[in-house]
Amino acid sequence: MQDNDLLERITLDPHVMVGKPVIRGTRLTVEYILKLLASGTTITDILDEYHGLTPDDIRACLLFATKALETTTFMPLAMTEG
């Protein structure tokens, strides 16, 4: 699936979840899906819990986050001793 097709699965609407990016047709935010993945929840577990989601929906969340970070500059909060 092409990037644009995946990104069309993510919507932003000020009337849904206060405008946070969500998976189209749901109230599941990209942020929530990423937190689940970061905490060790598998894609299979997410799909089992949220019927109607597809693997492409999860990939769309990852791609959306990647695209959002492309234009972000990170500055170190504190210097660490190596």
PDB file of N, CA and C in Angstrom:
ATOM      1  N   MET A   1       0.846  -1.180   0.000  1.00  0.00           N
ATOM      2  CA  MET A   1       0.000   0.000   0.000  1.00  0.00           C
ATOM      3  C   MET A   1       0.892   1.244   0.000  1.00  0.00           C
ATOM      4  N   GLN A   2       0.537   2.213  -0.804  1.00  0.00           N
ATOM      5  CA  GLN A   2       1.307   3.446  -0.925  1.00  0.00           C
ATOM      6  C   GLN A   2       1.135   4.322   0.310  1.00  0.00           C
ATOM      7  N   ASP A   3       2.135   5.174   0.568  1.00  0.00           N
ATOM      8  CA  ASP A   3       2.090   6.071   1.727  1.00  0.00           C
ATOM      9  C   ASP A   3       0.823   6.907   1.756  1.00  0.00           C
ATOM     10  N   ASN A   4       0.448   7.492   0.626  1.00  0.00           N
ATOM     11  CA  ASN A   4      -0.748   8.344   0.605  1.00  0.00           C
ATOM     12  C   ASN A   4      -2.004   7.569   0.963  1.00  0.00           C
ATOM     13  N   ASP A   5      -2.087   6.328   0.505  1.00  0.00           N
ATOM     14  CA  ASP A   5      -3.240   5.493   0.835  1.00  0.00           C
ATOM     15  C   ASP A   5      -3.289   5.214   2.337  1.00  0.00           C
ATOM     16  N   LEU A   6      -2.124   4.943   2.912  1.00  0.00           N
ATOM     17  CA  LEU A   6      -2.081   4.710   4.359  1.00  0.00           C
ATOM     18  C   LEU A   6      -2.469   5.968   5.131  1.00  0.00           C
ATOM     19  N   LEU A   7      -1.923   7.101   4.709  1.00  0.00           N
ATOM     20  CA  LEU A   7      -2.195   8.341   5.437  1.00  0.00           C
ATOM     21  C   LEU A   7      -3.655   8.760   5.361  1.00  0.00           C
ATOM     22  N   GLU A   8      -4.372   8.325   4.335  1.00  0.00           N
ATOM     23  CA  GLU A   8      -5.796   8.630   4.244  1.00  0.00           C
ATOM     24  C   GLU A   8      -6.597   7.922   5.329  1.00  0.00           C
ATOM     25  N   ARG A   9      -5.994   6.941   5.971  1.00  0.00           N
ATOM     26  CA  ARG A   9      -6.659   6.241   7.071  1.00  0.00           C
ATOM     27  C   ARG A   9      -6.653   7.060   8.361  1.00  0.00           C
ATOM     28  N   ILE A  10      -5.847   8.110   8.397  1.00  0.00           N
ATOM     29  CA  ILE A  10      -5.738   8.967   9.583  1.00  0.00           C
ATOM     30  C   ILE A  10      -6.487  10.266   9.305  1.00  0.00           C
ATOM     31  N   THR A  11      -7.355  10.651  10.224  1.00  0.00           N
ATOM     32  CA  THR A  11      -8.125  11.875  10.054  1.00  0.00           C
ATOM     33  C   THR A  11      -7.950  12.790  11.262  1.00  0.00           C
ATOM     34  N   LEU A  12      -8.178  14.064  11.010  1.00  0.00           N
ATOM     35  CA  LEU A  12      -8.165  15.064  12.080  1.00  0.00           C
ATOM     36  C   LEU A  12      -9.461  15.860  11.980  1.00  0.00           C
ATOM     37  N   ASP A  13     -10.201  15.880  13.065  1.00  0.00           N
ATOM     38  CA  ASP A  13     -11.470  16.587  13.109  1.00  0.00           C
ATOM     39  C   ASP A  13     -11.581  17.215  14.483  1.00  0.00           C
ATOM     40  N   PRO A  14     -11.758  18.530  14.559  1.00  0.00           N
ATOM     41  CA  PRO A  14     -11.828  19.183  15.870  1.00  0.00           C
ATOM     42  C   PRO A  14     -12.971  18.674  16.740  1.00  0.00           C
ATOM     43  N   HIS A  15     -13.935  17.979  16.146  1.00  0.00           N
ATOM     44  CA  HIS A  15     -15.072  17.458  16.906  1.00  0.00           C
ATOM     45  C   HIS A  15     -14.871  16.016  17.365  1.00  0.00           C
ATOM     46  N   VAL A  16     -13.757  15.417  16.972  1.00  0.00           N
ATOM     47  CA  VAL A  16     -13.460  14.032  17.368  1.00  0.00           C
ATOM     48  C   VAL A  16     -12.149  14.024  18.133  1.00  0.00           C
ATOM     49  N   MET A  17     -12.208  13.590  19.372  1.00  0.00           N
ATOM     50  CA  MET A  17     -11.032  13.479  20.237  1.00  0.00           C
ATOM     51  C   MET A  17     -10.221  14.780  20.265  1.00  0.00           C
ATOM     52  N   VAL A  18     -10.930  15.888  20.332  1.00  0.00           N
ATOM     53  CA  VAL A  18     -10.339  17.222  20.444  1.00  0.00           C
ATOM     54  C   VAL A  18      -9.341  17.503  19.313  1.00  0.00           C
ATOM     55  N   GLY A  19      -9.602  16.942  18.144  1.00  0.00           N
ATOM     56  CA  GLY A  19      -8.768  17.230  16.991  1.00  0.00           C
ATOM     57  C   GLY A  19      -7.502  16.411  16.875  1.00  0.00           C
ATOM     58  N   LYS A  20      -7.294  15.465  17.779  1.00  0.00           N
ATOM     59  CA  LYS A  20      -6.108  14.608  17.667  1.00  0.00           C
ATOM     60  C   LYS A  20      -6.271  13.701  16.445  1.00  0.00           C
ATOM     61  N   PRO A  21      -5.165  13.299  15.840  1.00  0.00           N
ATOM     62  CA  PRO A  21      -5.259  12.376  14.718  1.00  0.00           C
ATOM     63  C   PRO A  21      -5.781  11.012  15.178  1.00  0.00           C
ATOM     64  N   VAL A  22      -6.788  10.521  14.470  1.00  0.00           N
ATOM     65  CA  VAL A  22      -7.411   9.235  14.803  1.00  0.00           C
ATOM     66  C   VAL A  22      -7.464   8.350  13.559  1.00  0.00           C
ATOM     67  N   ILE A  23      -7.636   7.071  13.801  1.00  0.00           N
ATOM     68  CA  ILE A  23      -7.870   6.139  12.706  1.00  0.00           C
ATOM     69  C   ILE A  23      -9.286   6.384  12.204  1.00  0.00           C
ATOM     70  N   ARG A  24      -9.407   6.600  10.898  1.00  0.00           N
ATOM     71  CA  ARG A  24     -10.696   6.932  10.271  1.00  0.00           C
ATOM     72  C   ARG A  24     -11.807   5.997  10.759  1.00  0.00           C
ATOM     73  N   GLY A  25     -12.923   6.587  11.131  1.00  0.00           N
ATOM     74  CA  GLY A  25     -14.087   5.813  11.547  1.00  0.00           C
ATOM     75  C   GLY A  25     -14.027   5.316  12.981  1.00  0.00           C
ATOM     76  N   THR A  26     -12.996   5.746  13.726  1.00  0.00           N
ATOM     77  CA  THR A  26     -12.858   5.315  15.124  1.00  0.00           C
ATOM     78  C   THR A  26     -12.579   6.525  16.002  1.00  0.00           C
ATOM     79  N   ARG A  27     -12.479   6.274  17.281  1.00  0.00           N
ATOM     80  CA  ARG A  27     -12.021   7.273  18.226  1.00  0.00           C
ATOM     81  C   ARG A  27     -10.658   6.850  18.798  1.00  0.00           C
ATOM     82  N   LEU A  28      -9.976   5.988  18.081  1.00  0.00           N
ATOM     83  CA  LEU A  28      -8.649   5.527  18.487  1.00  0.00           C
ATOM     84  C   LEU A  28      -7.612   6.480  17.933  1.00  0.00           C
ATOM     85  N   THR A  29      -6.909   7.158  18.845  1.00  0.00           N
ATOM     86  CA  THR A  29      -5.914   8.126  18.406  1.00  0.00           C
ATOM     87  C   THR A  29      -4.617   7.423  18.004  1.00  0.00           C
ATOM     88  N   VAL A  30      -3.901   8.087  17.116  1.00  0.00           N
ATOM     89  CA  VAL A  30      -2.575   7.606  16.729  1.00  0.00           C
ATOM     90  C   VAL A  30      -1.714   7.489  17.985  1.00  0.00           C
ATOM     91  N   GLU A  31      -1.796   8.483  18.843  1.00  0.00           N
ATOM     92  CA  GLU A  31      -1.023   8.485  20.082  1.00  0.00           C
ATOM     93  C   GLU A  31      -1.301   7.228  20.915  1.00  0.00           C
ATOM     94  N   TYR A  32      -2.575   6.865  21.050  1.00  0.00           N
ATOM     95  CA  TYR A  32      -2.948   5.694  21.848  1.00  0.00           C
ATOM     96  C   TYR A  32      -2.369   4.420  21.243  1.00  0.00           C
ATOM     97  N   ILE A  33      -2.483   4.270  19.936  1.00  0.00           N
ATOM     98  CA  ILE A  33      -1.943   3.073  19.275  1.00  0.00           C
ATOM     99  C   ILE A  33      -0.428   3.007  19.449  1.00  0.00           C
ATOM    100  N   LEU A  34       0.252   4.143  19.313  1.00  0.00           N
ATOM    101  CA  LEU A  34       1.708   4.155  19.496  1.00  0.00           C
ATOM    102  C   LEU A  34       2.093   3.805  20.923  1.00  0.00           C
ATOM    103  N   LYS A  35       1.322   4.297  21.889  1.00  0.00           N
ATOM    104  CA  LYS A  35       1.605   3.953  23.292  1.00  0.00           C
ATOM    105  C   LYS A  35       1.415   2.460  23.535  1.00  0.00           C
ATOM    106  N   LEU A  36       0.378   1.884  22.933  1.00  0.00           N
ATOM    107  CA  LEU A  36       0.188   0.437  23.068  1.00  0.00           C
ATOM    108  C   LEU A  36       1.393  -0.319  22.514  1.00  0.00           C
ATOM    109  N   LEU A  37       1.826   0.056  21.324  1.00  0.00           N
ATOM    110  CA  LEU A  37       2.982  -0.612  20.721  1.00  0.00           C
ATOM    111  C   LEU A  37       4.238  -0.420  21.564  1.00  0.00           C
ATOM    112  N   ALA A  38       4.447   0.795  22.073  1.00  0.00           N
ATOM    113  CA  ALA A  38       5.631   1.083  22.887  1.00  0.00           C
ATOM    114  C   ALA A  38       5.624   0.288  24.184  1.00  0.00           C
ATOM    115  N   SER A  39       4.443  -0.016  24.685  1.00  0.00           N
ATOM    116  CA  SER A  39       4.363  -0.763  25.942  1.00  0.00           C
ATOM    117  C   SER A  39       4.502  -2.263  25.734  1.00  0.00           C
ATOM    118  N   GLY A  40       4.644  -2.675  24.469  1.00  0.00           N
ATOM    119  CA  GLY A  40       4.863  -4.092  24.191  1.00  0.00           C
ATOM    120  C   GLY A  40       3.645  -4.829  23.678  1.00  0.00           C
ATOM    121  N   THR A  41       2.530  -4.151  23.543  1.00  0.00           N
ATOM    122  CA  THR A  41       1.341  -4.784  22.983  1.00  0.00           C
ATOM    123  C   THR A  41       1.617  -5.115  21.519  1.00  0.00           C
ATOM    124  N   THR A  42       1.291  -6.311  21.112  1.00  0.00           N
ATOM    125  CA  THR A  42       1.557  -6.708  19.736  1.00  0.00           C
ATOM    126  C   THR A  42       0.445  -6.207  18.812  1.00  0.00           C
ATOM    127  N   ILE A  43       0.765  -6.151  17.537  1.00  0.00           N
ATOM    128  CA  ILE A  43      -0.242  -5.771  16.553  1.00  0.00           C
ATOM    129  C   ILE A  43      -1.412  -6.748  16.605  1.00  0.00           C
ATOM    130  N   THR A  44      -1.116  -8.022  16.762  1.00  0.00           N
ATOM    131  CA  THR A  44      -2.170  -9.034  16.855  1.00  0.00           C
ATOM    132  C   THR A  44      -3.075  -8.762  18.046  1.00  0.00           C
ATOM    133  N   ASP A  45      -2.483  -8.410  19.196  1.00  0.00           N
ATOM    134  CA  ASP A  45      -3.284  -8.106  20.380  1.00  0.00           C
ATOM    135  C   ASP A  45      -4.198  -6.909  20.132  1.00  0.00           C
ATOM    136  N   ILE A  46      -3.668  -5.879  19.478  1.00  0.00           N
ATOM    137  CA  ILE A  46      -4.474  -4.686  19.186  1.00  0.00           C
ATOM    138  C   ILE A  46      -5.624  -5.051  18.259  1.00  0.00           C
ATOM    139  N   LEU A  47      -5.335  -5.814  17.224  1.00  0.00           N
ATOM    140  CA  LEU A  47      -6.367  -6.198  16.271  1.00  0.00           C
ATOM    141  C   LEU A  47      -7.427  -7.086  16.912  1.00  0.00           C
ATOM    142  N   ASP A  48      -7.002  -7.945  17.842  1.00  0.00           N
ATOM    143  CA  ASP A  48      -7.956  -8.802  18.558  1.00  0.00           C
ATOM    144  C   ASP A  48      -8.861  -7.984  19.472  1.00  0.00           C
ATOM    145  N   GLU A  49      -8.310  -6.940  20.062  1.00  0.00           N
ATOM    146  CA  GLU A  49      -9.074  -6.106  21.001  1.00  0.00           C
ATOM    147  C   GLU A  49     -10.014  -5.142  20.279  1.00  0.00           C
ATOM    148  N   TYR A  50      -9.583  -4.621  19.166  1.00  0.00           N
ATOM    149  CA  TYR A  50     -10.354  -3.606  18.443  1.00  0.00           C
ATOM    150  C   TYR A  50     -10.760  -4.159  17.081  1.00  0.00           C
ATOM    151  N   HIS A  51     -11.858  -4.898  17.084  1.00  0.00           N
ATOM    152  CA  HIS A  51     -12.361  -5.521  15.862  1.00  0.00           C
ATOM    153  C   HIS A  51     -12.673  -4.438  14.833  1.00  0.00           C
ATOM    154  N   GLY A  52     -12.338  -4.697  13.618  1.00  0.00           N
ATOM    155  CA  GLY A  52     -12.545  -3.720  12.555  1.00  0.00           C
ATOM    156  C   GLY A  52     -11.260  -3.018  12.163  1.00  0.00           C
ATOM    157  N   LEU A  53     -10.277  -2.987  13.068  1.00  0.00           N
ATOM    158  CA  LEU A  53      -8.972  -2.431  12.706  1.00  0.00           C
ATOM    159  C   LEU A  53      -8.249  -3.432  11.823  1.00  0.00           C
ATOM    160  N   THR A  54      -7.362  -2.908  11.004  1.00  0.00           N
ATOM    161  CA  THR A  54      -6.570  -3.767  10.127  1.00  0.00           C
ATOM    162  C   THR A  54      -5.089  -3.489  10.357  1.00  0.00           C
ATOM    163  N   PRO A  55      -4.236  -4.398   9.909  1.00  0.00           N
ATOM    164  CA  PRO A  55      -2.800  -4.128  10.005  1.00  0.00           C
ATOM    165  C   PRO A  55      -2.414  -2.815   9.320  1.00  0.00           C
ATOM    166  N   ASP A  56      -3.101  -2.475   8.230  1.00  0.00           N
ATOM    167  CA  ASP A  56      -2.807  -1.212   7.546  1.00  0.00           C
ATOM    168  C   ASP A  56      -3.143  -0.006   8.427  1.00  0.00           C
ATOM    169  N   ASP A  57      -4.139  -0.119   9.281  1.00  0.00           N
ATOM    170  CA  ASP A  57      -4.444   0.977  10.207  1.00  0.00           C
ATOM    171  C   ASP A  57      -3.274   1.211  11.160  1.00  0.00           C
ATOM    172  N   ILE A  58      -2.680   0.133  11.634  1.00  0.00           N
ATOM    173  CA  ILE A  58      -1.534   0.246  12.536  1.00  0.00           C
ATOM    174  C   ILE A  58      -0.337   0.835  11.786  1.00  0.00           C
ATOM    175  N   ARG A  59      -0.101   0.350  10.577  1.00  0.00           N
ATOM    176  CA  ARG A  59       0.984   0.901   9.757  1.00  0.00           C
ATOM    177  C   ARG A  59       0.752   2.380   9.467  1.00  0.00           C
ATOM    178  N   ALA A  60      -0.498   2.760   9.269  1.00  0.00           N
ATOM    179  CA  ALA A  60      -0.820   4.172   9.029  1.00  0.00           C
ATOM    180  C   ALA A  60      -0.437   5.024  10.236  1.00  0.00           C
ATOM    181  N   CYS A  61      -0.655   4.520  11.439  1.00  0.00           N
ATOM    182  CA  CYS A  61      -0.264   5.253  12.651  1.00  0.00           C
ATOM    183  C   CYS A  61       1.248   5.452  12.690  1.00  0.00           C
ATOM    184  N   LEU A  62       1.981   4.402  12.388  1.00  0.00           N
ATOM    185  CA  LEU A  62       3.443   4.491  12.393  1.00  0.00           C
ATOM    186  C   LEU A  62       3.937   5.461  11.324  1.00  0.00           C
ATOM    187  N   LEU A  63       3.345   5.400  10.146  1.00  0.00           N
ATOM    188  CA  LEU A  63       3.744   6.299   9.072  1.00  0.00           C
ATOM    189  C   LEU A  63       3.401   7.746   9.422  1.00  0.00           C
ATOM    190  N   PHE A  64       2.229   7.973   9.997  1.00  0.00           N
ATOM    191  CA  PHE A  64       1.831   9.321  10.387  1.00  0.00           C
ATOM    192  C   PHE A  64       2.834   9.900  11.380  1.00  0.00           C
ATOM    193  N   ALA A  65       3.216   9.105  12.362  1.00  0.00           N
ATOM    194  CA  ALA A  65       4.183   9.574  13.364  1.00  0.00           C
ATOM    195  C   ALA A  65       5.530   9.867  12.707  1.00  0.00           C
ATOM    196  N   THR A  66       5.951   9.014  11.794  1.00  0.00           N
ATOM    197  CA  THR A  66       7.210   9.232  11.092  1.00  0.00           C
ATOM    198  C   THR A  66       7.179  10.530  10.309  1.00  0.00           C
ATOM    199  N   LYS A  67       6.099  10.760   9.575  1.00  0.00           N
ATOM    200  CA  LYS A  67       5.970  11.989   8.788  1.00  0.00           C
ATOM    201  C   LYS A  67       5.941  13.221   9.694  1.00  0.00           C
ATOM    202  N   ALA A  68       5.276  13.105  10.845  1.00  0.00           N
ATOM    203  CA  ALA A  68       5.195  14.231  11.775  1.00  0.00           C
ATOM    204  C   ALA A  68       6.573  14.586  12.333  1.00  0.00           C
ATOM    205  N   LEU A  69       7.426  13.595  12.497  1.00  0.00           N
ATOM    206  CA  LEU A  69       8.754  13.828  13.063  1.00  0.00           C
ATOM    207  C   LEU A  69       9.775  14.311  12.032  1.00  0.00           C
ATOM    208  N   GLU A  70       9.463  14.174  10.757  1.00  0.00           N
ATOM    209  CA  GLU A  70      10.413  14.576   9.721  1.00  0.00           C
ATOM    210  C   GLU A  70      10.779  16.051   9.794  1.00  0.00           C
ATOM    211  N   THR A  71       9.862  16.871  10.227  1.00  0.00           N
ATOM    212  CA  THR A  71      10.110  18.312  10.258  1.00  0.00           C
ATOM    213  C   THR A  71      10.348  18.825  11.677  1.00  0.00           C
ATOM    214  N   THR A  72      10.600  17.912  12.598  1.00  0.00           N
ATOM    215  CA  THR A  72      10.815  18.288  13.985  1.00  0.00           C
ATOM    216  C   THR A  72      12.307  18.298  14.294  1.00  0.00           C
ATOM    217  N   THR A  73      12.739  19.346  14.970  1.00  0.00           N
ATOM    218  CA  THR A  73      14.120  19.436  15.415  1.00  0.00           C
ATOM    219  C   THR A  73      14.157  19.149  16.903  1.00  0.00           C
ATOM    220  N   PHE A  74      15.036  18.261  17.289  1.00  0.00           N
ATOM    221  CA  PHE A  74      15.155  17.924  18.702  1.00  0.00           C
ATOM    222  C   PHE A  74      16.393  18.582  19.285  1.00  0.00           C
ATOM    223  N   MET A  75      16.213  19.151  20.440  1.00  0.00           N
ATOM    224  CA  MET A  75      17.319  19.760  21.175  1.00  0.00           C
ATOM    225  C   MET A  75      17.506  18.964  22.462  1.00  0.00           C
ATOM    226  N   PRO A  76      18.727  18.696  22.842  1.00  0.00           N
ATOM    227  CA  PRO A  76      18.936  17.968  24.107  1.00  0.00           C
ATOM    228  C   PRO A  76      18.415  18.791  25.275  1.00  0.00           C
ATOM    229  N   LEU A  77      17.737  18.133  26.195  1.00  0.00           N
ATOM    230  CA  LEU A  77      17.229  18.810  27.375  1.00  0.00           C
ATOM    231  C   LEU A  77      18.337  19.062  28.393  1.00  0.00           C
ATOM    232  N   ALA A  78      19.282  18.152  28.428  1.00  0.00           N
ATOM    233  CA  ALA A  78      20.411  18.303  29.346  1.00  0.00           C
ATOM    234  C   ALA A  78      21.604  17.565  28.775  1.00  0.00           C
ATOM    235  N   MET A  79      22.749  18.035  29.069  1.00  0.00           N
ATOM    236  CA  MET A  79      23.961  17.353  28.624  1.00  0.00           C
ATOM    237  C   MET A  79      24.208  16.175  29.554  1.00  0.00           C
ATOM    238  N   THR A  80      24.604  15.064  28.986  1.00  0.00           N
ATOM    239  CA  THR A  80      24.935  13.891  29.795  1.00  0.00           C
ATOM    240  C   THR A  80      26.403  13.590  29.656  1.00  0.00           C
ATOM    241  N   GLU A  81      26.948  13.082  30.706  1.00  0.00           N
ATOM    242  CA  GLU A  81      28.360  12.690  30.704  1.00  0.00           C
ATOM    243  C   GLU A  81      28.453  11.303  30.113  1.00  0.00           C
ATOM    244  N   GLY A  82      29.332  11.091  29.172  1.00  0.00           N
ATOM    245  CA  GLY A  82      29.443   9.811  28.490  1.00  0.00           C
ATOM    246  C   GLY A  82      30.395   8.953  29.147  1.00  0.00           C
TER     247      GLY A  82
END
